[in-house]
C-alpha cells in the first residue's frame, strides 16, 4: 500500500514538473484542462497527507477569454473554454515546488 502511494506521489511530481515546462512555453493564458491536471496532481499529494490546498487555482480565476468580432458589427464574445493567466499557474507551481523541496529537506524555515 505505501509503495503504491509512493508511486502515485512520484508520478504527481513528474506531472507537476512536466506541466511547469509546458506552461512556461505557452502563450498568455492556460486552458482549464491544464488546471484540472494540476489539481489532480494536488489531489494525489493530499491523499499522501501533504496539506497543499493553498496552491490550488481558485475557481474565480478560471474564466472564459473574450474576443472581438467585426462582421457584420463589432461585438465582444466569450470562448466556451475557460482559461487562467499563465503567470498565476506558474506562480502556484513554483511555490509548490519550493514548498515540497523545503518539506523534504532537513532545513525548516520558520
PDB file of N, CA and C in Angstrom:
ATOM      1  N   UNK A   1       0.824  -1.195   0.000  1.00  0.00           N
ATOM      2  CA  UNK A   1       0.000   0.000   0.000  1.00  0.00           C
ATOM      3  C   UNK A   1       0.865   1.254   0.000  1.00  0.00           C
ATOM      4  N   UNK A   2       1.862   1.328   0.885  1.00  0.00           N
ATOM      5  CA  UNK A   2       2.731   2.502   0.956  1.00  0.00           C
ATOM      6  C   UNK A   2       3.525   2.667  -0.334  1.00  0.00           C
ATOM      7  N   UNK A   3       3.960   1.558  -0.909  1.00  0.00           N
ATOM      8  CA  UNK A   3       4.713   1.621  -2.148  1.00  0.00           C
ATOM      9  C   UNK A   3       3.848   2.176  -3.277  1.00  0.00           C
ATOM     10  N   UNK A   4       2.578   1.773  -3.330  1.00  0.00           N
ATOM     11  CA  UNK A   4       1.653   2.277  -4.336  1.00  0.00           C
ATOM     12  C   UNK A   4       1.477   3.788  -4.185  1.00  0.00           C
ATOM     13  N   UNK A   5       1.386   4.282  -2.949  1.00  0.00           N
ATOM     14  CA  UNK A   5       1.231   5.715  -2.707  1.00  0.00           C
ATOM     15  C   UNK A   5       2.498   6.461  -3.116  1.00  0.00           C
ATOM     16  N   UNK A   6       3.660   5.861  -2.872  1.00  0.00           N
ATOM     17  CA  UNK A   6       4.917   6.488  -3.296  1.00  0.00           C
ATOM     18  C   UNK A   6       4.981   6.585  -4.811  1.00  0.00           C
ATOM     19  N   UNK A   7       4.513   5.545  -5.513  1.00  0.00           N
ATOM     20  CA  UNK A   7       4.464   5.587  -6.971  1.00  0.00           C
ATOM     21  C   UNK A   7       3.550   6.717  -7.434  1.00  0.00           C
ATOM     22  N   UNK A   8       2.395   6.838  -6.808  1.00  0.00           N
ATOM     23  CA  UNK A   8       1.456   7.900  -7.176  1.00  0.00           C
ATOM     24  C   UNK A   8       2.052   9.273  -6.887  1.00  0.00           C
ATOM     25  N   UNK A   9       2.733   9.400  -5.770  1.00  0.00           N
ATOM     26  CA  UNK A   9       3.370  10.673  -5.413  1.00  0.00           C
ATOM     27  C   UNK A   9       4.460  11.012  -6.423  1.00  0.00           C
ATOM     28  N   UNK A  10       5.250  10.035  -6.790  1.00  0.00           N
ATOM     29  CA  UNK A  10       6.307  10.227  -7.774  1.00  0.00           C
ATOM     30  C   UNK A  10       5.726  10.713  -9.099  1.00  0.00           C
ATOM     31  N   UNK A  11       4.651  10.069  -9.560  1.00  0.00           N
ATOM     32  CA  UNK A  11       4.027  10.478 -10.816  1.00  0.00           C
ATOM     33  C   UNK A  11       3.363  11.843 -10.705  1.00  0.00           C
ATOM     34  N   UNK A  12       2.875  12.203  -9.531  1.00  0.00           N
ATOM     35  CA  UNK A  12       2.337  13.544  -9.313  1.00  0.00           C
ATOM     36  C   UNK A  12       3.449  14.578  -9.471  1.00  0.00           C
ATOM     37  N   UNK A  13       4.625  14.301  -8.890  1.00  0.00           N
ATOM     38  CA  UNK A  13       5.772  15.200  -9.051  1.00  0.00           C
ATOM     39  C   UNK A  13       6.167  15.318 -10.524  1.00  0.00           C
ATOM     40  N   UNK A  14       6.217  14.198 -11.224  1.00  0.00           N
ATOM     41  CA  UNK A  14       6.560  14.223 -12.644  1.00  0.00           C
ATOM     42  C   UNK A  14       5.556  15.056 -13.431  1.00  0.00           C
ATOM     43  N   UNK A  15       4.290  14.873 -13.126  1.00  0.00           N
ATOM     44  CA  UNK A  15       3.228  15.612 -13.809  1.00  0.00           C
ATOM     45  C   UNK A  15       3.360  17.109 -13.574  1.00  0.00           C
ATOM     46  N   UNK A  16       3.631  17.497 -12.335  1.00  0.00           N
ATOM     47  CA  UNK A  16       3.778  18.918 -11.995  1.00  0.00           C
ATOM     48  C   UNK A  16       4.993  19.511 -12.714  1.00  0.00           C
ATOM     49  N   UNK A  17       6.103  18.794 -12.731  1.00  0.00           N
ATOM     50  CA  UNK A  17       7.301  19.282 -13.418  1.00  0.00           C
ATOM     51  C   UNK A  17       7.089  19.399 -14.929  1.00  0.00           C
ATOM     52  N   UNK A  18       6.438  18.422 -15.522  1.00  0.00           N
ATOM     53  CA  UNK A  18       6.149  18.472 -16.954  1.00  0.00           C
ATOM     54  C   UNK A  18       5.189  19.620 -17.265  1.00  0.00           C
ATOM     55  N   UNK A  19       4.204  19.793 -16.426  1.00  0.00           N
ATOM     56  CA  UNK A  19       3.253  20.887 -16.610  1.00  0.00           C
ATOM     57  C   UNK A  19       3.978  22.232 -16.545  1.00  0.00           C
ATOM     58  N   UNK A  20       4.888  22.356 -15.596  1.00  0.00           N
ATOM     59  CA  UNK A  20       5.665  23.600 -15.443  1.00  0.00           C
ATOM     60  C   UNK A  20       6.421  23.925 -16.721  1.00  0.00           C
ATOM     61  N   UNK A  21       7.072  22.939 -17.295  1.00  0.00           N
ATOM     62  CA  UNK A  21       7.851  23.157 -18.514  1.00  0.00           C
ATOM     63  C   UNK A  21       6.967  23.526 -19.694  1.00  0.00           C
ATOM     64  N   UNK A  22       5.826  22.865 -19.827  1.00  0.00           N
ATOM     65  CA  UNK A  22       4.934  23.135 -20.949  1.00  0.00           C
ATOM     66  C   UNK A  22       4.205  24.461 -20.807  1.00  0.00           C
ATOM     67  N   UNK A  23       3.795  24.805 -19.610  1.00  0.00           N
ATOM     68  CA  UNK A  23       3.091  26.063 -19.382  1.00  0.00           C
ATOM     69  C   UNK A  23       4.030  27.236 -19.626  1.00  0.00           C
ATOM     70  N   UNK A  24       5.291  27.076 -19.270  1.00  0.00           N
ATOM     71  CA  UNK A  24       6.261  28.154 -19.441  1.00  0.00           C
ATOM     72  C   UNK A  24       6.381  28.575 -20.900  1.00  0.00           C
ATOM     73  N   UNK A  25       6.202  27.640 -21.818  1.00  0.00           N
ATOM     74  CA  UNK A  25       6.319  27.954 -23.241  1.00  0.00           C
ATOM     75  C   UNK A  25       4.980  28.330 -23.875  1.00  0.00           C
ATOM     76  N   UNK A  26       3.913  28.340 -23.092  1.00  0.00           N
ATOM     77  CA  UNK A  26       2.585  28.673 -23.611  1.00  0.00           C
ATOM     78  C   UNK A  26       2.435  30.181 -23.772  1.00  0.00           C
ATOM     79  N   UNK A  27       1.390  30.573 -24.467  1.00  0.00           N
ATOM     80  CA  UNK A  27       1.065  31.999 -24.624  1.00  0.00           C
ATOM     81  C   UNK A  27       0.542  32.536 -23.292  1.00  0.00           C
ATOM     82  N   UNK A  28      -0.118  33.671 -23.299  1.00  0.00           N
ATOM     83  CA  UNK A  28      -0.526  34.359 -22.084  1.00  0.00           C
ATOM     84  C   UNK A  28      -1.541  33.682 -21.196  1.00  0.00           C
ATOM     85  N   UNK A  29      -2.332  32.766 -21.733  1.00  0.00           N
ATOM     86  CA  UNK A  29      -3.367  32.095 -20.943  1.00  0.00           C
ATOM     87  C   UNK A  29      -3.235  30.586 -21.077  1.00  0.00           C
ATOM     88  N   UNK A  30      -3.663  29.891 -20.028  1.00  0.00           N
ATOM     89  CA  UNK A  30      -3.563  28.431 -19.992  1.00  0.00           C
ATOM     90  C   UNK A  30      -4.975  27.847 -19.946  1.00  0.00           C
ATOM     91  N   UNK A  31      -5.296  26.906 -20.828  1.00  0.00           N
ATOM     92  CA  UNK A  31      -6.633  26.306 -20.823  1.00  0.00           C
ATOM     93  C   UNK A  31      -6.942  25.561 -19.527  1.00  0.00           C
ATOM     94  N   UNK A  32      -8.211  25.513 -19.201  1.00  0.00           N
ATOM     95  CA  UNK A  32      -8.684  24.895 -17.959  1.00  0.00           C
ATOM     96  C   UNK A  32      -8.251  23.436 -17.826  1.00  0.00           C
ATOM     97  N   UNK A  33      -8.095  22.740 -18.917  1.00  0.00           N
ATOM     98  CA  UNK A  33      -7.706  21.318 -18.832  1.00  0.00           C
ATOM     99  C   UNK A  33      -6.362  21.146 -18.119  1.00  0.00           C
ATOM    100  N   UNK A  34      -5.466  22.136 -18.245  1.00  0.00           N
ATOM    101  CA  UNK A  34      -4.187  22.067 -17.544  1.00  0.00           C
ATOM    102  C   UNK A  34      -4.349  22.354 -16.052  1.00  0.00           C
ATOM    103  N   UNK A  35      -5.322  23.170 -15.712  1.00  0.00           N
ATOM    104  CA  UNK A  35      -5.624  23.428 -14.300  1.00  0.00           C
ATOM    105  C   UNK A  35      -6.148  22.148 -13.672  1.00  0.00           C
ATOM    106  N   UNK A  36      -6.990  21.423 -14.416  1.00  0.00           N
ATOM    107  CA  UNK A  36      -7.509  20.148 -13.918  1.00  0.00           C
ATOM    108  C   UNK A  36      -6.362  19.167 -13.690  1.00  0.00           C
ATOM    109  N   UNK A  37      -5.424  19.121 -14.610  1.00  0.00           N
ATOM    110  CA  UNK A  37      -4.264  18.227 -14.463  1.00  0.00           C
ATOM    111  C   UNK A  37      -3.456  18.606 -13.215  1.00  0.00           C
ATOM    112  N   UNK A  38      -3.258  19.904 -12.998  1.00  0.00           N
ATOM    113  CA  UNK A  38      -2.538  20.386 -11.827  1.00  0.00           C
ATOM    114  C   UNK A  38      -3.290  20.011 -10.552  1.00  0.00           C
ATOM    115  N   UNK A  39      -4.600  20.215 -10.544  1.00  0.00           N
ATOM    116  CA  UNK A  39      -5.408  19.890  -9.361  1.00  0.00           C
ATOM    117  C   UNK A  39      -5.437  18.383  -9.108  1.00  0.00           C
ATOM    118  N   UNK A  40      -5.427  17.575 -10.171  1.00  0.00           N
ATOM    119  CA  UNK A  40      -5.363  16.114  -9.995  1.00  0.00           C
ATOM    120  C   UNK A  40      -4.059  15.716  -9.296  1.00  0.00           C
ATOM    121  N   UNK A  41      -2.951  16.353  -9.685  1.00  0.00           N
ATOM    122  CA  UNK A  41      -1.670  16.073  -9.028  1.00  0.00           C
ATOM    123  C   UNK A  41      -1.723  16.515  -7.567  1.00  0.00           C
ATOM    124  N   UNK A  42      -2.356  17.664  -7.305  1.00  0.00           N
ATOM    125  CA  UNK A  42      -2.511  18.126  -5.924  1.00  0.00           C
ATOM    126  C   UNK A  42      -3.346  17.145  -5.107  1.00  0.00           C
ATOM    127  N   UNK A  43      -4.405  16.598  -5.713  1.00  0.00           N
ATOM    128  CA  UNK A  43      -5.246  15.605  -5.027  1.00  0.00           C
ATOM    129  C   UNK A  43      -4.422  14.393  -4.620  1.00  0.00           C
ATOM    130  N   UNK A  44      -3.538  13.954  -5.513  1.00  0.00           N
ATOM    131  CA  UNK A  44      -2.684  12.805  -5.213  1.00  0.00           C
ATOM    132  C   UNK A  44      -1.762  13.114  -4.036  1.00  0.00           C
ATOM    133  N   UNK A  45      -1.169  14.289  -4.044  1.00  0.00           N
ATOM    134  CA  UNK A  45      -0.273  14.666  -2.952  1.00  0.00           C
ATOM    135  C   UNK A  45      -1.039  14.822  -1.645  1.00  0.00           C
ATOM    136  N   UNK A  46      -2.245  15.359  -1.710  1.00  0.00           N
ATOM    137  CA  UNK A  46      -3.058  15.498  -0.493  1.00  0.00           C
ATOM    138  C   UNK A  46      -3.458  14.140   0.066  1.00  0.00           C
ATOM    139  N   UNK A  47      -3.721  13.190  -0.823  1.00  0.00           N
ATOM    140  CA  UNK A  47      -4.067  11.839  -0.369  1.00  0.00           C
ATOM    141  C   UNK A  47      -2.900  11.197   0.370  1.00  0.00           C
ATOM    142  N   UNK A  48      -1.702  11.691   0.099  1.00  0.00           N
ATOM    143  CA  UNK A  48      -0.491  11.196   0.761  1.00  0.00           C
ATOM    144  C   UNK A  48      -0.215  11.960   2.057  1.00  0.00           C
ATOM    145  N   UNK A  49      -1.135  12.851   2.429  1.00  0.00           N
ATOM    146  CA  UNK A  49      -1.023  13.550   3.696  1.00  0.00           C
ATOM    147  C   UNK A  49      -0.334  14.903   3.641  1.00  0.00           C
ATOM    148  N   UNK A  50      -0.104  15.422   2.443  1.00  0.00           N
ATOM    149  CA  UNK A  50       0.540  16.725   2.307  1.00  0.00           C
ATOM    150  C   UNK A  50      -0.551  17.788   2.198  1.00  0.00           C
ATOM    151  N   UNK A  51      -0.513  18.783   3.086  1.00  0.00           N
ATOM    152  CA  UNK A  51      -1.510  19.846   3.080  1.00  0.00           C
ATOM    153  C   UNK A  51      -1.088  20.930   2.093  1.00  0.00           C
ATOM    154  N   UNK A  52      -1.676  20.903   0.913  1.00  0.00           N
ATOM    155  CA  UNK A  52      -1.276  21.840  -0.135  1.00  0.00           C
ATOM    156  C   UNK A  52      -2.462  22.548  -0.774  1.00  0.00           C
ATOM    157  N   UNK A  53      -3.538  22.648  -0.069  1.00  0.00           N
ATOM    158  CA  UNK A  53      -4.741  23.285  -0.602  1.00  0.00           C
ATOM    159  C   UNK A  53      -4.489  24.730  -1.035  1.00  0.00           C
ATOM    160  N   UNK A  54      -3.578  25.418  -0.375  1.00  0.00           N
ATOM    161  CA  UNK A  54      -3.280  26.816  -0.687  1.00  0.00           C
ATOM    162  C   UNK A  54      -2.740  27.003  -2.111  1.00  0.00           C
ATOM    163  N   UNK A  55      -2.232  25.943  -2.711  1.00  0.00           N
ATOM    164  CA  UNK A  55      -1.651  26.044  -4.043  1.00  0.00           C
ATOM    165  C   UNK A  55      -2.671  25.868  -5.165  1.00  0.00           C
ATOM    166  N   UNK A  56      -3.900  25.584  -4.825  1.00  0.00           N
ATOM    167  CA  UNK A  56      -4.939  25.416  -5.842  1.00  0.00           C
ATOM    168  C   UNK A  56      -5.266  26.748  -6.525  1.00  0.00           C
ATOM    169  N   UNK A  57      -5.650  26.655  -7.773  1.00  0.00           N
ATOM    170  CA  UNK A  57      -6.102  27.836  -8.510  1.00  0.00           C
ATOM    171  C   UNK A  57      -7.570  28.061  -8.135  1.00  0.00           C
ATOM    172  N   UNK A  58      -7.910  29.230  -7.598  1.00  0.00           N
ATOM    173  CA  UNK A  58      -9.307  29.487  -7.228  1.00  0.00           C
ATOM    174  C   UNK A  58     -10.223  29.459  -8.457  1.00  0.00           C
ATOM    175  N   UNK A  59     -11.400  28.927  -8.282  1.00  0.00           N
ATOM    176  CA  UNK A  59     -12.368  28.847  -9.382  1.00  0.00           C
ATOM    177  C   UNK A  59     -12.680  30.223  -9.958  1.00  0.00           C
ATOM    178  N   UNK A  60     -12.597  31.251  -9.128  1.00  0.00           N
ATOM    179  CA  UNK A  60     -12.887  32.613  -9.593  1.00  0.00           C
ATOM    180  C   UNK A  60     -11.840  33.129 -10.584  1.00  0.00           C
ATOM    181  N   UNK A  61     -10.683  32.472 -10.645  1.00  0.00           N
ATOM    182  CA  UNK A  61      -9.620  32.880 -11.575  1.00  0.00           C
ATOM    183  C   UNK A  61      -9.704  32.154 -12.913  1.00  0.00           C
ATOM    184  N   UNK A  62     -10.586  31.163 -13.017  1.00  0.00           N
ATOM    185  CA  UNK A  62     -10.713  30.373 -14.242  1.00  0.00           C
ATOM    186  C   UNK A  62     -11.908  30.930 -15.012  1.00  0.00           C
ATOM    187  N   UNK A  63     -11.614  31.650 -16.095  1.00  0.00           N
ATOM    188  CA  UNK A  63     -12.651  32.407 -16.805  1.00  0.00           C
ATOM    189  C   UNK A  63     -12.521  32.225 -18.313  1.00  0.00           C
ATOM    190  N   UNK A  64     -13.641  32.423 -19.015  1.00  0.00           N
ATOM    191  CA  UNK A  64     -13.533  32.415 -20.475  1.00  0.00           C
ATOM    192  C   UNK A  64     -12.766  33.646 -20.962  1.00  0.00           C
ATOM    193  N   UNK A  65     -12.160  33.520 -22.106  1.00  0.00           N
ATOM    194  CA  UNK A  65     -11.498  34.663 -22.741  1.00  0.00           C
ATOM    195  C   UNK A  65     -12.540  35.411 -23.568  1.00  0.00           C
ATOM    196  N   UNK A  66     -12.316  36.674 -23.753  1.00  0.00           N
ATOM    197  CA  UNK A  66     -13.195  37.399 -24.663  1.00  0.00           C
ATOM    198  C   UNK A  66     -12.431  37.728 -25.938  1.00  0.00           C
ATOM    199  N   UNK A  67     -13.197  37.916 -26.977  1.00  0.00           N
ATOM    200  CA  UNK A  67     -12.617  38.293 -28.254  1.00  0.00           C
ATOM    201  C   UNK A  67     -13.617  39.175 -28.980  1.00  0.00           C
ATOM    202  N   UNK A  68     -13.140  39.875 -29.994  1.00  0.00           N
ATOM    203  CA  UNK A  68     -13.988  40.778 -30.745  1.00  0.00           C
ATOM    204  C   UNK A  68     -14.325  40.181 -32.097  1.00  0.00           C
ATOM    205  N   UNK A  69     -15.528  40.443 -32.530  1.00  0.00           N
ATOM    206  CA  UNK A  69     -15.899  40.120 -33.908  1.00  0.00           C
ATOM    207  C   UNK A  69     -16.075  41.449 -34.630  1.00  0.00           C
ATOM    208  N   UNK A  70     -15.859  41.467 -35.901  1.00  0.00           N
ATOM    209  CA  UNK A  70     -16.009  42.722 -36.632  1.00  0.00           C
ATOM    210  C   UNK A  70     -16.918  42.613 -37.845  1.00  0.00           C
ATOM    211  N   UNK A  71     -17.643  41.513 -37.936  1.00  0.00           N
ATOM    212  CA  UNK A  71     -18.562  41.383 -39.050  1.00  0.00           C
ATOM    213  C   UNK A  71     -19.825  40.710 -38.590  1.00  0.00           C
ATOM    214  N   UNK A  72     -20.976  41.169 -38.823  1.00  0.00           N
ATOM    215  CA  UNK A  72     -21.294  42.421 -39.528  1.00  0.00           C
ATOM    216  C   UNK A  72     -21.151  43.666 -38.645  1.00  0.00           C
ATOM    217  N   UNK A  73     -21.012  43.473 -37.328  1.00  0.00           N
ATOM    218  CA  UNK A  73     -20.734  44.620 -36.454  1.00  0.00           C
ATOM    219  C   UNK A  73     -19.794  44.162 -35.335  1.00  0.00           C
ATOM    220  N   UNK A  74     -19.154  45.091 -34.703  1.00  0.00           N
ATOM    221  CA  UNK A  74     -18.215  44.766 -33.639  1.00  0.00           C
ATOM    222  C   UNK A  74     -18.982  44.278 -32.417  1.00  0.00           C
ATOM    223  N   UNK A  75     -18.593  43.102 -31.921  1.00  0.00           N
ATOM    224  CA  UNK A  75     -19.200  42.529 -30.721  1.00  0.00           C
ATOM    225  C   UNK A  75     -18.101  41.917 -29.863  1.00  0.00           C
ATOM    226  N   UNK A  76     -18.369  41.839 -28.571  1.00  0.00           N
ATOM    227  CA  UNK A  76     -17.479  41.107 -27.667  1.00  0.00           C
ATOM    228  C   UNK A  76     -18.124  39.756 -27.420  1.00  0.00           C
ATOM    229  N   UNK A  77     -17.371  38.707 -27.664  1.00  0.00           N
ATOM    230  CA  UNK A  77     -17.853  37.343 -27.430  1.00  0.00           C
ATOM    231  C   UNK A  77     -16.890  36.658 -26.481  1.00  0.00           C
ATOM    232  N   UNK A  78     -17.349  35.534 -25.924  1.00  0.00           N
ATOM    233  CA  UNK A  78     -16.536  34.771 -24.977  1.00  0.00           C
ATOM    234  C   UNK A  78     -16.342  33.353 -25.472  1.00  0.00           C
ATOM    235  N   UNK A  79     -15.182  32.807 -25.191  1.00  0.00           N
ATOM    236  CA  UNK A  79     -14.886  31.436 -25.584  1.00  0.00           C
ATOM    237  C   UNK A  79     -15.683  30.460 -24.718  1.00  0.00           C
ATOM    238  N   UNK A  80     -15.898  29.274 -25.224  1.00  0.00           N
ATOM    239  CA  UNK A  80     -16.551  28.231 -24.429  1.00  0.00           C
ATOM    240  C   UNK A  80     -15.597  27.682 -23.380  1.00  0.00           C
ATOM    241  N   UNK A  81     -14.339  27.546 -23.761  1.00  0.00           N
ATOM    242  CA  UNK A  81     -13.339  27.033 -22.827  1.00  0.00           C
ATOM    243  C   UNK A  81     -12.882  28.150 -21.898  1.00  0.00           C
ATOM    244  N   UNK A  82     -12.565  27.770 -20.671  1.00  0.00           N
ATOM    245  CA  UNK A  82     -12.083  28.731 -19.686  1.00  0.00           C
ATOM    246  C   UNK A  82     -10.557  28.678 -19.613  1.00  0.00           C
ATOM    247  N   UNK A  83      -9.993  29.782 -19.142  1.00  0.00           N
ATOM    248  CA  UNK A  83      -8.536  29.925 -19.083  1.00  0.00           C
ATOM    249  C   UNK A  83      -8.134  30.563 -17.760  1.00  0.00           C
ATOM    250  N   UNK A  84      -6.850  30.461 -17.470  1.00  0.00           N
ATOM    251  CA  UNK A  84      -6.273  31.129 -16.306  1.00  0.00           C
ATOM    252  C   UNK A  84      -4.998  31.827 -16.785  1.00  0.00           C
ATOM    253  N   UNK A  85      -4.666  32.978 -16.201  1.00  0.00           N
ATOM    254  CA  UNK A  85      -3.419  33.628 -16.606  1.00  0.00           C
ATOM    255  C   UNK A  85      -2.209  32.713 -16.359  1.00  0.00           C
ATOM    256  N   UNK A  86      -1.360  32.644 -17.338  1.00  0.00           N
ATOM    257  CA  UNK A  86      -0.169  31.789 -17.257  1.00  0.00           C
ATOM    258  C   UNK A  86       0.668  32.116 -16.025  1.00  0.00           C
ATOM    259  N   UNK A  87       0.813  33.390 -15.723  1.00  0.00           N
ATOM    260  CA  UNK A  87       1.647  33.815 -14.600  1.00  0.00           C
ATOM    261  C   UNK A  87       1.117  33.272 -13.271  1.00  0.00           C
ATOM    262  N   UNK A  88      -0.208  33.203 -13.121  1.00  0.00           N
ATOM    263  CA  UNK A  88      -0.800  32.686 -11.891  1.00  0.00           C
ATOM    264  C   UNK A  88      -0.469  31.209 -11.717  1.00  0.00           C
ATOM    265  N   UNK A  89      -0.669  30.424 -12.776  1.00  0.00           N
ATOM    266  CA  UNK A  89      -0.369  28.992 -12.679  1.00  0.00           C
ATOM    267  C   UNK A  89       1.119  28.763 -12.417  1.00  0.00           C
ATOM    268  N   UNK A  90       1.976  29.498 -13.107  1.00  0.00           N
ATOM    269  CA  UNK A  90       3.413  29.337 -12.886  1.00  0.00           C
ATOM    270  C   UNK A  90       3.798  29.698 -11.460  1.00  0.00           C
ATOM    271  N   UNK A  91       3.198  30.749 -10.919  1.00  0.00           N
ATOM    272  CA  UNK A  91       3.497  31.146  -9.537  1.00  0.00           C
ATOM    273  C   UNK A  91       3.078  30.056  -8.558  1.00  0.00           C
ATOM    274  N   UNK A  92       1.912  29.451  -8.775  1.00  0.00           N
ATOM    275  CA  UNK A  92       1.428  28.379  -7.887  1.00  0.00           C
ATOM    276  C   UNK A  92       2.330  27.151  -7.987  1.00  0.00           C
ATOM    277  N   UNK A  93       2.714  26.790  -9.217  1.00  0.00           N
ATOM    278  CA  UNK A  93       3.581  25.624  -9.402  1.00  0.00           C
ATOM    279  C   UNK A  93       4.945  25.870  -8.758  1.00  0.00           C
ATOM    280  N   UNK A  94       5.530  27.041  -8.993  1.00  0.00           N
ATOM    281  CA  UNK A  94       6.840  27.346  -8.420  1.00  0.00           C
ATOM    282  C   UNK A  94       6.794  27.355  -6.895  1.00  0.00           C
ATOM    283  N   UNK A  95       5.724  27.935  -6.343  1.00  0.00           N
ATOM    284  CA  UNK A  95       5.579  27.947  -4.877  1.00  0.00           C
ATOM    285  C   UNK A  95       5.437  26.530  -4.341  1.00  0.00           C
ATOM    286  N   UNK A  96       4.678  25.685  -5.028  1.00  0.00           N
ATOM    287  CA  UNK A  96       4.508  24.292  -4.602  1.00  0.00           C
ATOM    288  C   UNK A  96       5.833  23.545  -4.645  1.00  0.00           C
ATOM    289  N   UNK A  97       6.579  23.700  -5.730  1.00  0.00           N
ATOM    290  CA  UNK A  97       7.860  23.007  -5.853  1.00  0.00           C
ATOM    291  C   UNK A  97       8.811  23.442  -4.741  1.00  0.00           C
ATOM    292  N   UNK A  98       8.853  24.732  -4.466  1.00  0.00           N
ATOM    293  CA  UNK A  98       9.696  25.243  -3.377  1.00  0.00           C
ATOM    294  C   UNK A  98       9.249  24.677  -2.038  1.00  0.00           C
ATOM    295  N   UNK A  99       7.947  24.672  -1.801  1.00  0.00           N
ATOM    296  CA  UNK A  99       7.400  24.119  -0.555  1.00  0.00           C
ATOM    297  C   UNK A  99       7.801  22.656  -0.384  1.00  0.00           C
ATOM    298  N   UNK A 100       7.662  21.877  -1.439  1.00  0.00           N
ATOM    299  CA  UNK A 100       7.991  20.456  -1.363  1.00  0.00           C
ATOM    300  C   UNK A 100       9.486  20.240  -1.134  1.00  0.00           C
ATOM    301  N   UNK A 101      10.316  21.083  -1.737  1.00  0.00           N
ATOM    302  CA  UNK A 101      11.769  20.984  -1.500  1.00  0.00           C
ATOM    303  C   UNK A 101      12.093  21.283  -0.039  1.00  0.00           C
ATOM    304  N   UNK A 102      11.464  22.291   0.517  1.00  0.00           N
ATOM    305  CA  UNK A 102      11.686  22.651   1.931  1.00  0.00           C
ATOM    306  C   UNK A 102      11.198  21.536   2.839  1.00  0.00           C
ATOM    307  N   UNK A 103      10.022  21.000   2.566  1.00  0.00           N
ATOM    308  CA  UNK A 103       9.454  19.921   3.382  1.00  0.00           C
ATOM    309  C   UNK A 103      10.328  18.675   3.362  1.00  0.00           C
ATOM    310  N   UNK A 104      11.000  18.437   2.231  1.00  0.00           N
ATOM    311  CA  UNK A 104      11.820  17.250   2.099  1.00  0.00           C
ATOM    312  C   UNK A 104      13.272  17.459   2.521  1.00  0.00           C
ATOM    313  N   UNK A 105      13.621  18.691   2.878  1.00  0.00           N
ATOM    314  CA  UNK A 105      14.991  18.951   3.310  1.00  0.00           C
ATOM    315  C   UNK A 105      15.073  18.885   4.826  1.00  0.00           C
ATOM    316  N   UNK A 106      16.275  18.906   5.327  1.00  0.00           N
ATOM    317  CA  UNK A 106      16.455  18.874   6.768  1.00  0.00           C
ATOM    318  C   UNK A 106      16.352  20.285   7.363  1.00  0.00           C
ATOM    319  N   UNK A 107      16.348  21.294   6.503  1.00  0.00           N
ATOM    320  CA  UNK A 107      16.259  22.687   6.965  1.00  0.00           C
ATOM    321  C   UNK A 107      14.797  23.115   6.903  1.00  0.00           C
ATOM    322  N   UNK A 108      14.290  23.579   8.003  1.00  0.00           N
ATOM    323  CA  UNK A 108      12.910  24.059   8.052  1.00  0.00           C
ATOM    324  C   UNK A 108      12.926  25.562   8.233  1.00  0.00           C
ATOM    325  N   UNK A 109      12.153  26.266   7.430  1.00  0.00           N
ATOM    326  CA  UNK A 109      12.036  27.715   7.586  1.00  0.00           C
ATOM    327  C   UNK A 109      10.978  28.014   8.634  1.00  0.00           C
ATOM    328  N   UNK A 110      11.216  29.003   9.423  1.00  0.00           N
ATOM    329  CA  UNK A 110      10.240  29.388  10.456  1.00  0.00           C
ATOM    330  C   UNK A 110       9.726  30.765  10.173  1.00  0.00           C
TER     331      UNK A 110
END
